[in-house]
Amino acid sequence: MADLTKYEILISELSSIEAQLSNLIHKNQELVEQNSELQSQLIQLKNENTYLTQKLSSLEKETNSQNNEGEINLFNSLNLKERENLKVRLQNLISKIDYHLSAV
C-alpha cells in the first residue's frame, strides 16, 4: 500500500509538471508570435522613417532653392533707378569698411 501511495504521488507530480510544461509552451508560442509582430512593426517603422527622412530632405532642398530664387527675384524686381541707388549705397558701405580696416 505504501508503494501505491508513492506511485500515486509520483503520477500526481508528473501530471503537475506536464501541466506546467504545457503552460510554458503556450506562453512561449504567444511570445514568439508577439516578437514576430514587433519585428514586422519595427521593419515597417524603419521604412516609414527612411521615407519621411527622404521627403524632409527633398522639402528642405526645395525650400532652399525657393529662397534663393526669391532673393534673385527680389533684385530683378527692382527698377533701374532702385538698382542704381542700391549699388551706390553698397559702394559707400564698402568704402567705409575699407577705411575702417585700413585705419586699424
PDB file of N, CA and C in Angstrom:
ATOM      1  N   MET A   1       0.810  -1.174   0.000  1.00  0.00           N
ATOM      2  CA  MET A   1       0.000   0.000   0.000  1.00  0.00           C
ATOM      3  C   MET A   1       0.870   1.260   0.000  1.00  0.00           C
ATOM      4  N   ALA A   2       1.999   1.241   0.705  1.00  0.00           N
ATOM      5  CA  ALA A   2       2.922   2.367   0.724  1.00  0.00           C
ATOM      6  C   ALA A   2       3.469   2.591  -0.678  1.00  0.00           C
ATOM      7  N   ASP A   3       3.697   1.522  -1.425  1.00  0.00           N
ATOM      8  CA  ASP A   3       4.194   1.665  -2.788  1.00  0.00           C
ATOM      9  C   ASP A   3       3.145   2.313  -3.681  1.00  0.00           C
ATOM     10  N   LEU A   4       1.893   2.009  -3.457  1.00  0.00           N
ATOM     11  CA  LEU A   4       0.808   2.579  -4.242  1.00  0.00           C
ATOM     12  C   LEU A   4       0.702   4.089  -3.993  1.00  0.00           C
ATOM     13  N   THR A   5       0.876   4.511  -2.766  1.00  0.00           N
ATOM     14  CA  THR A   5       0.811   5.933  -2.426  1.00  0.00           C
ATOM     15  C   THR A   5       1.977   6.674  -3.068  1.00  0.00           C
ATOM     16  N   LYS A   6       3.163   6.087  -3.017  1.00  0.00           N
ATOM     17  CA  LYS A   6       4.322   6.705  -3.663  1.00  0.00           C
ATOM     18  C   LYS A   6       4.089   6.799  -5.168  1.00  0.00           C
ATOM     19  N   TYR A   7       3.508   5.771  -5.724  1.00  0.00           N
ATOM     20  CA  TYR A   7       3.225   5.753  -7.160  1.00  0.00           C
ATOM     21  C   TYR A   7       2.202   6.835  -7.509  1.00  0.00           C
ATOM     22  N   GLU A   8       1.175   6.978  -6.697  1.00  0.00           N
ATOM     23  CA  GLU A   8       0.155   7.999  -6.940  1.00  0.00           C
ATOM     24  C   GLU A   8       0.747   9.403  -6.807  1.00  0.00           C
ATOM     25  N   ILE A   9       1.629   9.613  -5.828  1.00  0.00           N
ATOM     26  CA  ILE A   9       2.293  10.906  -5.651  1.00  0.00           C
ATOM     27  C   ILE A   9       3.161  11.215  -6.862  1.00  0.00           C
ATOM     28  N   LEU A  10       3.887  10.235  -7.337  1.00  0.00           N
ATOM     29  CA  LEU A  10       4.750  10.399  -8.499  1.00  0.00           C
ATOM     30  C   LEU A  10       3.920  10.749  -9.732  1.00  0.00           C
ATOM     31  N   ILE A  11       2.815  10.052  -9.926  1.00  0.00           N
ATOM     32  CA  ILE A  11       1.938  10.327 -11.075  1.00  0.00           C
ATOM     33  C   ILE A  11       1.359  11.734 -10.942  1.00  0.00           C
ATOM     34  N   SER A  12       0.965  12.114  -9.748  1.00  0.00           N
ATOM     35  CA  SER A  12       0.409  13.450  -9.499  1.00  0.00           C
ATOM     36  C   SER A  12       1.443  14.530  -9.809  1.00  0.00           C
ATOM     37  N   GLU A  13       2.677  14.332  -9.371  1.00  0.00           N
ATOM     38  CA  GLU A  13       3.747  15.297  -9.638  1.00  0.00           C
ATOM     39  C   GLU A  13       4.050  15.366 -11.124  1.00  0.00           C
ATOM     40  N   LEU A  14       4.061  14.223 -11.790  1.00  0.00           N
ATOM     41  CA  LEU A  14       4.304  14.210 -13.240  1.00  0.00           C
ATOM     42  C   LEU A  14       3.189  14.955 -13.973  1.00  0.00           C
ATOM     43  N   SER A  15       1.952  14.782 -13.527  1.00  0.00           N
ATOM     44  CA  SER A  15       0.818  15.487 -14.141  1.00  0.00           C
ATOM     45  C   SER A  15       0.962  16.994 -13.937  1.00  0.00           C
ATOM     46  N   SER A  16       1.389  17.377 -12.741  1.00  0.00           N
ATOM     47  CA  SER A  16       1.587  18.787 -12.445  1.00  0.00           C
ATOM     48  C   SER A  16       2.693  19.365 -13.327  1.00  0.00           C
ATOM     49  N   ILE A  17       3.777  18.641 -13.450  1.00  0.00           N
ATOM     50  CA  ILE A  17       4.895  19.087 -14.299  1.00  0.00           C
ATOM     51  C   ILE A  17       4.449  19.189 -15.746  1.00  0.00           C
ATOM     52  N   GLU A  18       3.653  18.223 -16.187  1.00  0.00           N
ATOM     53  CA  GLU A  18       3.153  18.228 -17.559  1.00  0.00           C
ATOM     54  C   GLU A  18       2.247  19.440 -17.798  1.00  0.00           C
ATOM     55  N   ALA A  19       1.413  19.786 -16.817  1.00  0.00           N
ATOM     56  CA  ALA A  19       0.547  20.958 -16.935  1.00  0.00           C
ATOM     57  C   ALA A  19       1.386  22.236 -16.993  1.00  0.00           C
ATOM     58  N   GLN A  20       2.401  22.324 -16.152  1.00  0.00           N
ATOM     59  CA  GLN A  20       3.280  23.494 -16.161  1.00  0.00           C
ATOM     60  C   GLN A  20       4.013  23.607 -17.492  1.00  0.00           C
ATOM     61  N   LEU A  21       4.465  22.461 -17.991  1.00  0.00           N
ATOM     62  CA  LEU A  21       5.160  22.444 -19.271  1.00  0.00           C
ATOM     63  C   LEU A  21       4.233  22.901 -20.390  1.00  0.00           C
ATOM     64  N   SER A  22       3.006  22.456 -20.354  1.00  0.00           N
ATOM     65  CA  SER A  22       2.025  22.864 -21.355  1.00  0.00           C
ATOM     66  C   SER A  22       1.793  24.371 -21.302  1.00  0.00           C
ATOM     67  N   ASN A  23       1.681  24.920 -20.079  1.00  0.00           N
ATOM     68  CA  ASN A  23       1.514  26.372 -19.924  1.00  0.00           C
ATOM     69  C   ASN A  23       2.725  27.128 -20.464  1.00  0.00           C
ATOM     70  N   LEU A  24       3.912  26.625 -20.166  1.00  0.00           N
ATOM     71  CA  LEU A  24       5.130  27.283 -20.644  1.00  0.00           C
ATOM     72  C   LEU A  24       5.229  27.244 -22.169  1.00  0.00           C
ATOM     73  N   ILE A  25       4.838  26.120 -22.745  1.00  0.00           N
ATOM     74  CA  ILE A  25       4.854  26.005 -24.210  1.00  0.00           C
ATOM     75  C   ILE A  25       3.881  27.004 -24.818  1.00  0.00           C
ATOM     76  N   HIS A  26       2.700  27.117 -24.217  1.00  0.00           N
ATOM     77  CA  HIS A  26       1.693  28.064 -24.709  1.00  0.00           C
ATOM     78  C   HIS A  26       2.204  29.506 -24.596  1.00  0.00           C
ATOM     79  N   LYS A  27       2.800  29.854 -23.457  1.00  0.00           N
ATOM     80  CA  LYS A  27       3.347  31.199 -23.268  1.00  0.00           C
ATOM     81  C   LYS A  27       4.482  31.473 -24.262  1.00  0.00           C
ATOM     82  N   ASN A  28       5.304  30.457 -24.510  1.00  0.00           N
ATOM     83  CA  ASN A  28       6.396  30.597 -25.469  1.00  0.00           C
ATOM     84  C   ASN A  28       5.847  30.888 -26.861  1.00  0.00           C
ATOM     85  N   GLN A  29       4.802  30.166 -27.260  1.00  0.00           N
ATOM     86  CA  GLN A  29       4.202  30.395 -28.571  1.00  0.00           C
ATOM     87  C   GLN A  29       3.638  31.817 -28.671  1.00  0.00           C
ATOM     88  N   GLU A  30       2.992  32.290 -27.623  1.00  0.00           N
ATOM     89  CA  GLU A  30       2.467  33.651 -27.616  1.00  0.00           C
ATOM     90  C   GLU A  30       3.591  34.677 -27.737  1.00  0.00           C
ATOM     91  N   LEU A  31       4.680  34.438 -27.006  1.00  0.00           N
ATOM     92  CA  LEU A  31       5.811  35.368 -27.064  1.00  0.00           C
ATOM     93  C   LEU A  31       6.485  35.364 -28.430  1.00  0.00           C
ATOM     94  N   VAL A  32       6.561  34.200 -29.049  1.00  0.00           N
ATOM     95  CA  VAL A  32       7.154  34.113 -30.390  1.00  0.00           C
ATOM     96  C   VAL A  32       6.293  34.895 -31.382  1.00  0.00           C
ATOM     97  N   GLU A  33       4.969  34.748 -31.279  1.00  0.00           N
ATOM     98  CA  GLU A  33       4.068  35.495 -32.167  1.00  0.00           C
ATOM     99  C   GLU A  33       4.185  37.000 -31.929  1.00  0.00           C
ATOM    100  N   GLN A  34       4.220  37.374 -30.660  1.00  0.00           N
ATOM    101  CA  GLN A  34       4.341  38.790 -30.320  1.00  0.00           C
ATOM    102  C   GLN A  34       5.663  39.352 -30.833  1.00  0.00           C
ATOM    103  N   ASN A  35       6.729  38.588 -30.677  1.00  0.00           N
ATOM    104  CA  ASN A  35       8.042  39.006 -31.160  1.00  0.00           C
ATOM    105  C   ASN A  35       8.021  39.181 -32.681  1.00  0.00           C
ATOM    106  N   SER A  36       7.386  38.256 -33.359  1.00  0.00           N
ATOM    107  CA  SER A  36       7.285  38.334 -34.813  1.00  0.00           C
ATOM    108  C   SER A  36       6.509  39.584 -35.237  1.00  0.00           C
ATOM    109  N   GLU A  37       5.409  39.864 -34.551  1.00  0.00           N
ATOM    110  CA  GLU A  37       4.628  41.064 -34.860  1.00  0.00           C
ATOM    111  C   GLU A  37       5.443  42.324 -34.608  1.00  0.00           C
ATOM    112  N   LEU A  38       6.187  42.337 -33.513  1.00  0.00           N
ATOM    113  CA  LEU A  38       7.009  43.504 -33.199  1.00  0.00           C
ATOM    114  C   LEU A  38       8.131  43.685 -34.222  1.00  0.00           C
ATOM    115  N   GLN A  39       8.697  42.589 -34.692  1.00  0.00           N
ATOM    116  CA  GLN A  39       9.735  42.674 -35.730  1.00  0.00           C
ATOM    117  C   GLN A  39       9.155  43.266 -37.014  1.00  0.00           C
ATOM    118  N   SER A  40       7.960  42.823 -37.371  1.00  0.00           N
ATOM    119  CA  SER A  40       7.297  43.359 -38.561  1.00  0.00           C
ATOM    120  C   SER A  40       7.022  44.848 -38.404  1.00  0.00           C
ATOM    121  N   GLN A  41       6.544  45.219 -37.235  1.00  0.00           N
ATOM    122  CA  GLN A  41       6.251  46.618 -36.964  1.00  0.00           C
ATOM    123  C   GLN A  41       7.530  47.448 -37.006  1.00  0.00           C
ATOM    124  N   LEU A  42       8.620  46.906 -36.473  1.00  0.00           N
ATOM    125  CA  LEU A  42       9.906  47.607 -36.495  1.00  0.00           C
ATOM    126  C   LEU A  42      10.368  47.842 -37.926  1.00  0.00           C
ATOM    127  N   ILE A  43      10.259  46.831 -38.761  1.00  0.00           N
ATOM    128  CA  ILE A  43      10.661  46.971 -40.164  1.00  0.00           C
ATOM    129  C   ILE A  43       9.808  48.025 -40.853  1.00  0.00           C
ATOM    130  N   GLN A  44       8.500  47.990 -40.588  1.00  0.00           N
ATOM    131  CA  GLN A  44       7.595  48.959 -41.187  1.00  0.00           C
ATOM    132  C   GLN A  44       7.943  50.379 -40.731  1.00  0.00           C
ATOM    133  N   LEU A  45       8.220  50.553 -39.459  1.00  0.00           N
ATOM    134  CA  LEU A  45       8.558  51.878 -38.936  1.00  0.00           C
ATOM    135  C   LEU A  45       9.898  52.372 -39.475  1.00  0.00           C
ATOM    136  N   LYS A  46      10.854  51.472 -39.645  1.00  0.00           N
ATOM    137  CA  LYS A  46      12.143  51.871 -40.230  1.00  0.00           C
ATOM    138  C   LYS A  46      11.949  52.341 -41.667  1.00  0.00           C
ATOM    139  N   ASN A  47      11.121  51.605 -42.421  1.00  0.00           N
ATOM    140  CA  ASN A  47      10.843  52.006 -43.804  1.00  0.00           C
ATOM    141  C   ASN A  47      10.143  53.357 -43.847  1.00  0.00           C
ATOM    142  N   GLU A  48       9.191  53.547 -42.955  1.00  0.00           N
ATOM    143  CA  GLU A  48       8.476  54.817 -42.894  1.00  0.00           C
ATOM    144  C   GLU A  48       9.428  55.945 -42.503  1.00  0.00           C
ATOM    145  N   ASN A  49      10.318  55.673 -41.571  1.00  0.00           N
ATOM    146  CA  ASN A  49      11.296  56.669 -41.147  1.00  0.00           C
ATOM    147  C   ASN A  49      12.211  57.058 -42.318  1.00  0.00           C
ATOM    148  N   THR A  50      12.654  56.076 -43.068  1.00  0.00           N
ATOM    149  CA  THR A  50      13.501  56.343 -44.233  1.00  0.00           C
ATOM    150  C   THR A  50      12.758  57.206 -45.246  1.00  0.00           C
ATOM    151  N   TYR A  51      11.512  56.836 -45.510  1.00  0.00           N
ATOM    152  CA  TYR A  51      10.699  57.598 -46.459  1.00  0.00           C
ATOM    153  C   TYR A  51      10.526  59.042 -45.994  1.00  0.00           C
ATOM    154  N   LEU A  52      10.187  59.225 -44.712  1.00  0.00           N
ATOM    155  CA  LEU A  52       9.968  60.570 -44.188  1.00  0.00           C
ATOM    156  C   LEU A  52      11.256  61.391 -44.169  1.00  0.00           C
ATOM    157  N   THR A  53      12.376  60.741 -43.901  1.00  0.00           N
ATOM    158  CA  THR A  53      13.665  61.437 -43.932  1.00  0.00           C
ATOM    159  C   THR A  53      13.971  61.928 -45.343  1.00  0.00           C
ATOM    160  N   GLN A  54      13.717  61.076 -46.325  1.00  0.00           N
ATOM    161  CA  GLN A  54      13.944  61.468 -47.716  1.00  0.00           C
ATOM    162  C   GLN A  54      13.004  62.597 -48.124  1.00  0.00           C
ATOM    163  N   LYS A  55      11.763  62.508 -47.690  1.00  0.00           N
ATOM    164  CA  LYS A  55      10.789  63.550 -48.022  1.00  0.00           C
ATOM    165  C   LYS A  55      11.192  64.871 -47.377  1.00  0.00           C
ATOM    166  N   LEU A  56      11.638  64.819 -46.123  1.00  0.00           N
ATOM    167  CA  LEU A  56      12.091  66.017 -45.429  1.00  0.00           C
ATOM    168  C   LEU A  56      13.278  66.645 -46.149  1.00  0.00           C
ATOM    169  N   SER A  57      14.222  65.813 -46.546  1.00  0.00           N
ATOM    170  CA  SER A  57      15.395  66.307 -47.260  1.00  0.00           C
ATOM    171  C   SER A  57      14.983  66.974 -48.571  1.00  0.00           C
ATOM    172  N   SER A  58      14.065  66.341 -49.273  1.00  0.00           N
ATOM    173  CA  SER A  58      13.577  66.895 -50.530  1.00  0.00           C
ATOM    174  C   SER A  58      12.891  68.241 -50.312  1.00  0.00           C
ATOM    175  N   LEU A  59      12.074  68.325 -49.275  1.00  0.00           N
ATOM    176  CA  LEU A  59      11.385  69.585 -48.983  1.00  0.00           C
ATOM    177  C   LEU A  59      12.358  70.677 -48.567  1.00  0.00           C
ATOM    178  N   GLU A  60      13.404  70.301 -47.811  1.00  0.00           N
ATOM    179  CA  GLU A  60      14.414  71.290 -47.425  1.00  0.00           C
ATOM    180  C   GLU A  60      15.145  71.830 -48.653  1.00  0.00           C
ATOM    181  N   LYS A  61      15.488  70.937 -49.590  1.00  0.00           N
ATOM    182  CA  LYS A  61      16.153  71.382 -50.814  1.00  0.00           C
ATOM    183  C   LYS A  61      15.240  72.307 -51.605  1.00  0.00           C
ATOM    184  N   GLU A  62      13.967  71.931 -51.683  1.00  0.00           N
ATOM    185  CA  GLU A  62      13.005  72.754 -52.411  1.00  0.00           C
ATOM    186  C   GLU A  62      12.859  74.125 -51.764  1.00  0.00           C
ATOM    187  N   THR A  63      12.809  74.152 -50.441  1.00  0.00           N
ATOM    188  CA  THR A  63      12.691  75.421 -49.714  1.00  0.00           C
ATOM    189  C   THR A  63      13.919  76.283 -49.934  1.00  0.00           C
ATOM    190  N   ASN A  64      15.098  75.669 -49.883  1.00  0.00           N
ATOM    191  CA  ASN A  64      16.337  76.427 -50.104  1.00  0.00           C
ATOM    192  C   ASN A  64      16.386  77.005 -51.507  1.00  0.00           C
ATOM    193  N   SER A  65      15.971  76.219 -52.495  1.00  0.00           N
ATOM    194  CA  SER A  65      16.004  76.721 -53.869  1.00  0.00           C
ATOM    195  C   SER A  65      14.984  77.836 -54.048  1.00  0.00           C
ATOM    196  N   GLN A  66      13.831  77.726 -53.385  1.00  0.00           N
ATOM    197  CA  GLN A  66      12.828  78.792 -53.479  1.00  0.00           C
ATOM    198  C   GLN A  66      13.331  80.067 -52.805  1.00  0.00           C
ATOM    199  N   ASN A  67      14.041  79.907 -51.686  1.00  0.00           N
ATOM    200  CA  ASN A  67      14.605  81.085 -51.009  1.00  0.00           C
ATOM    201  C   ASN A  67      15.625  81.775 -51.903  1.00  0.00           C
ATOM    202  N   ASN A  68      16.488  80.974 -52.547  1.00  0.00           N
ATOM    203  CA  ASN A  68      17.491  81.551 -53.439  1.00  0.00           C
ATOM    204  C   ASN A  68      16.829  82.235 -54.615  1.00  0.00           C
ATOM    205  N   GLU A  69      15.806  81.603 -55.178  1.00  0.00           N
ATOM    206  CA  GLU A  69      15.093  82.208 -56.298  1.00  0.00           C
ATOM    207  C   GLU A  69      14.386  83.477 -55.841  1.00  0.00           C
ATOM    208  N   GLY A  70      13.869  83.458 -54.614  1.00  0.00           N
ATOM    209  CA  GLY A  70      13.193  84.643 -54.078  1.00  0.00           C
ATOM    210  C   GLY A  70      14.138  85.817 -53.948  1.00  0.00           C
ATOM    211  N   GLU A  71      15.385  85.554 -53.509  1.00  0.00           N
ATOM    212  CA  GLU A  71      16.371  86.613 -53.400  1.00  0.00           C
ATOM    213  C   GLU A  71      16.733  87.160 -54.772  1.00  0.00           C
ATOM    214  N   ILE A  72      16.895  86.277 -55.733  1.00  0.00           N
ATOM    215  CA  ILE A  72      17.212  86.708 -57.093  1.00  0.00           C
ATOM    216  C   ILE A  72      16.046  87.514 -57.657  1.00  0.00           C
ATOM    217  N   ASN A  73      14.838  87.028 -57.434  1.00  0.00           N
ATOM    218  CA  ASN A  73      13.665  87.734 -57.928  1.00  0.00           C
ATOM    219  C   ASN A  73      13.520  89.098 -57.258  1.00  0.00           C
ATOM    220  N   LEU A  74      13.938  89.219 -56.015  1.00  0.00           N
ATOM    221  CA  LEU A  74      13.874  90.497 -55.311  1.00  0.00           C
ATOM    222  C   LEU A  74      14.722  91.537 -56.038  1.00  0.00           C
ATOM    223  N   PHE A  75      15.943  91.155 -56.415  1.00  0.00           N
ATOM    224  CA  PHE A  75      16.803  92.100 -57.118  1.00  0.00           C
ATOM    225  C   PHE A  75      16.309  92.347 -58.540  1.00  0.00           C
ATOM    226  N   ASN A  76      15.749  91.351 -59.164  1.00  0.00           N
ATOM    227  CA  ASN A  76      15.221  91.534 -60.514  1.00  0.00           C
ATOM    228  C   ASN A  76      13.948  92.378 -60.511  1.00  0.00           C
ATOM    229  N   SER A  77      13.248  92.392 -59.378  1.00  0.00           N
ATOM    230  CA  SER A  77      12.003  93.160 -59.308  1.00  0.00           C
ATOM    231  C   SER A  77      12.265  94.657 -59.140  1.00  0.00           C
ATOM    232  N   LEU A  78      13.494  95.015 -58.768  1.00  0.00           N
ATOM    233  CA  LEU A  78      13.826  96.434 -58.612  1.00  0.00           C
ATOM    234  C   LEU A  78      13.933  97.094 -59.987  1.00  0.00           C
ATOM    235  N   ASN A  79      13.451  98.322 -60.069  1.00  0.00           N
ATOM    236  CA  ASN A  79      13.612  99.025 -61.348  1.00  0.00           C
ATOM    237  C   ASN A  79      15.039  99.562 -61.451  1.00  0.00           C
ATOM    238  N   LEU A  80      15.359 100.118 -62.565  1.00  0.00           N
ATOM    239  CA  LEU A  80      16.741 100.537 -62.848  1.00  0.00           C
ATOM    240  C   LEU A  80      17.225 101.582 -61.843  1.00  0.00           C
ATOM    241  N   LYS A  81      16.379 102.545 -61.499  1.00  0.00           N
ATOM    242  CA  LYS A  81      16.769 103.605 -60.565  1.00  0.00           C
ATOM    243  C   LYS A  81      17.034 103.019 -59.172  1.00  0.00           C
ATOM    244  N   GLU A  82      16.175 102.112 -58.724  1.00  0.00           N
ATOM    245  CA  GLU A  82      16.361 101.485 -57.404  1.00  0.00           C
ATOM    246  C   GLU A  82      17.647 100.664 -57.369  1.00  0.00           C
ATOM    247  N   ARG A  83      17.925  99.969 -58.467  1.00  0.00           N
ATOM    248  CA  ARG A  83      19.170  99.181 -58.527  1.00  0.00           C
ATOM    249  C   ARG A  83      20.394 100.081 -58.448  1.00  0.00           C
ATOM    250  N   GLU A  84      20.337 101.197 -59.149  1.00  0.00           N
ATOM    251  CA  GLU A  84      21.466 102.135 -59.114  1.00  0.00           C
ATOM    252  C   GLU A  84      21.648 102.695 -57.703  1.00  0.00           C
ATOM    253  N   ASN A  85      20.551 103.038 -57.047  1.00  0.00           N
ATOM    254  CA  ASN A  85      20.640 103.546 -55.668  1.00  0.00           C
ATOM    255  C   ASN A  85      21.231 102.483 -54.741  1.00  0.00           C
ATOM    256  N   LEU A  86      20.786 101.257 -54.901  1.00  0.00           N
ATOM    257  CA  LEU A  86      21.306 100.157 -54.085  1.00  0.00           C
ATOM    258  C   LEU A  86      22.788  99.952 -54.347  1.00  0.00           C
ATOM    259  N   LYS A  87      23.181 100.052 -55.603  1.00  0.00           N
ATOM    260  CA  LYS A  87      24.589  99.876 -55.960  1.00  0.00           C
ATOM    261  C   LYS A  87      25.439 100.969 -55.323  1.00  0.00           C
ATOM    262  N   VAL A  88      24.965 102.196 -55.336  1.00  0.00           N
ATOM    263  CA  VAL A  88      25.700 103.318 -54.750  1.00  0.00           C
ATOM    264  C   VAL A  88      25.820 103.129 -53.244  1.00  0.00           C
ATOM    265  N   ARG A  89      24.718 102.744 -52.597  1.00  0.00           N
ATOM    266  CA  ARG A  89      24.750 102.534 -51.151  1.00  0.00           C
ATOM    267  C   ARG A  89      25.738 101.418 -50.784  1.00  0.00           C
ATOM    268  N   LEU A  90      25.742 100.339 -51.557  1.00  0.00           N
ATOM    269  CA  LEU A  90      26.681  99.245 -51.291  1.00  0.00           C
ATOM    270  C   LEU A  90      28.125  99.705 -51.474  1.00  0.00           C
ATOM    271  N   GLN A  91      28.373 100.516 -52.510  1.00  0.00           N
ATOM    272  CA  GLN A  91      29.726 101.026 -52.726  1.00  0.00           C
ATOM    273  C   GLN A  91      30.158 101.923 -51.567  1.00  0.00           C
ATOM    274  N   ASN A  92      29.231 102.716 -51.049  1.00  0.00           N
ATOM    275  CA  ASN A  92      29.554 103.584 -49.903  1.00  0.00           C
ATOM    276  C   ASN A  92      29.883 102.736 -48.671  1.00  0.00           C
ATOM    277  N   LEU A  93      29.085 101.706 -48.441  1.00  0.00           N
ATOM    278  CA  LEU A  93      29.353 100.826 -47.308  1.00  0.00           C
ATOM    279  C   LEU A  93      30.701 100.132 -47.447  1.00  0.00           C
ATOM    280  N   ILE A  94      31.007  99.673 -48.628  1.00  0.00           N
ATOM    281  CA  ILE A  94      32.306  99.022 -48.873  1.00  0.00           C
ATOM    282  C   ILE A  94      33.440 100.018 -48.635  1.00  0.00           C
ATOM    283  N   SER A  95      33.262 101.244 -49.069  1.00  0.00           N
ATOM    284  CA  SER A  95      34.292 102.271 -48.851  1.00  0.00           C
ATOM    285  C   SER A  95      34.510 102.515 -47.365  1.00  0.00           C
ATOM    286  N   LYS A  96      33.411 102.614 -46.597  1.00  0.00           N
ATOM    287  CA  LYS A  96      33.529 102.834 -45.161  1.00  0.00           C
ATOM    288  C   LYS A  96      34.232 101.656 -44.490  1.00  0.00           C
ATOM    289  N   ILE A  97      33.898 100.454 -44.899  1.00  0.00           N
ATOM    290  CA  ILE A  97      34.534  99.263 -44.325  1.00  0.00           C
ATOM    291  C   ILE A  97      36.020  99.259 -44.642  1.00  0.00           C
ATOM    292  N   ASP A  98      36.355  99.579 -45.897  1.00  0.00           N
ATOM    293  CA  ASP A  98      37.777  99.635 -46.286  1.00  0.00           C
ATOM    294  C   ASP A  98      38.520 100.688 -45.473  1.00  0.00           C
ATOM    295  N   TYR A  99      37.890 101.836 -45.263  1.00  0.00           N
ATOM    296  CA  TYR A  99      38.510 102.893 -44.488  1.00  0.00           C
ATOM    297  C   TYR A  99      38.788 102.436 -43.049  1.00  0.00           C
ATOM    298  N   HIS A 100      37.790 101.813 -42.443  1.00  0.00           N
ATOM    299  CA  HIS A 100      37.969 101.347 -41.055  1.00  0.00           C
ATOM    300  C   HIS A 100      39.006 100.230 -40.975  1.00  0.00           C
ATOM    301  N   LEU A 101      39.065  99.388 -41.968  1.00  0.00           N
ATOM    302  CA  LEU A 101      40.063  98.301 -41.959  1.00  0.00           C
ATOM    303  C   LEU A 101      41.475  98.855 -42.143  1.00  0.00           C
ATOM    304  N   SER A 102      41.608  99.871 -42.975  1.00  0.00           N
ATOM    305  CA  SER A 102      42.942 100.438 -43.192  1.00  0.00           C
ATOM    306  C   SER A 102      43.396 101.265 -42.000  1.00  0.00           C
ATOM    307  N   ALA A 103      42.461 101.785 -41.219  1.00  0.00           N
ATOM    308  CA  ALA A 103      42.799 102.579 -40.036  1.00  0.00           C
ATOM    309  C   ALA A 103      43.341 101.682 -38.932  1.00  0.00           C
ATOM    310  N   VAL A 104      43.014 100.461 -38.939  1.00  0.00           N
ATOM    311  CA  VAL A 104      43.455  99.549 -37.886  1.00  0.00           C
ATOM    312  C   VAL A 104      44.818  99.095 -38.205  1.00  0.00           C
TER     313      VAL A 104
END
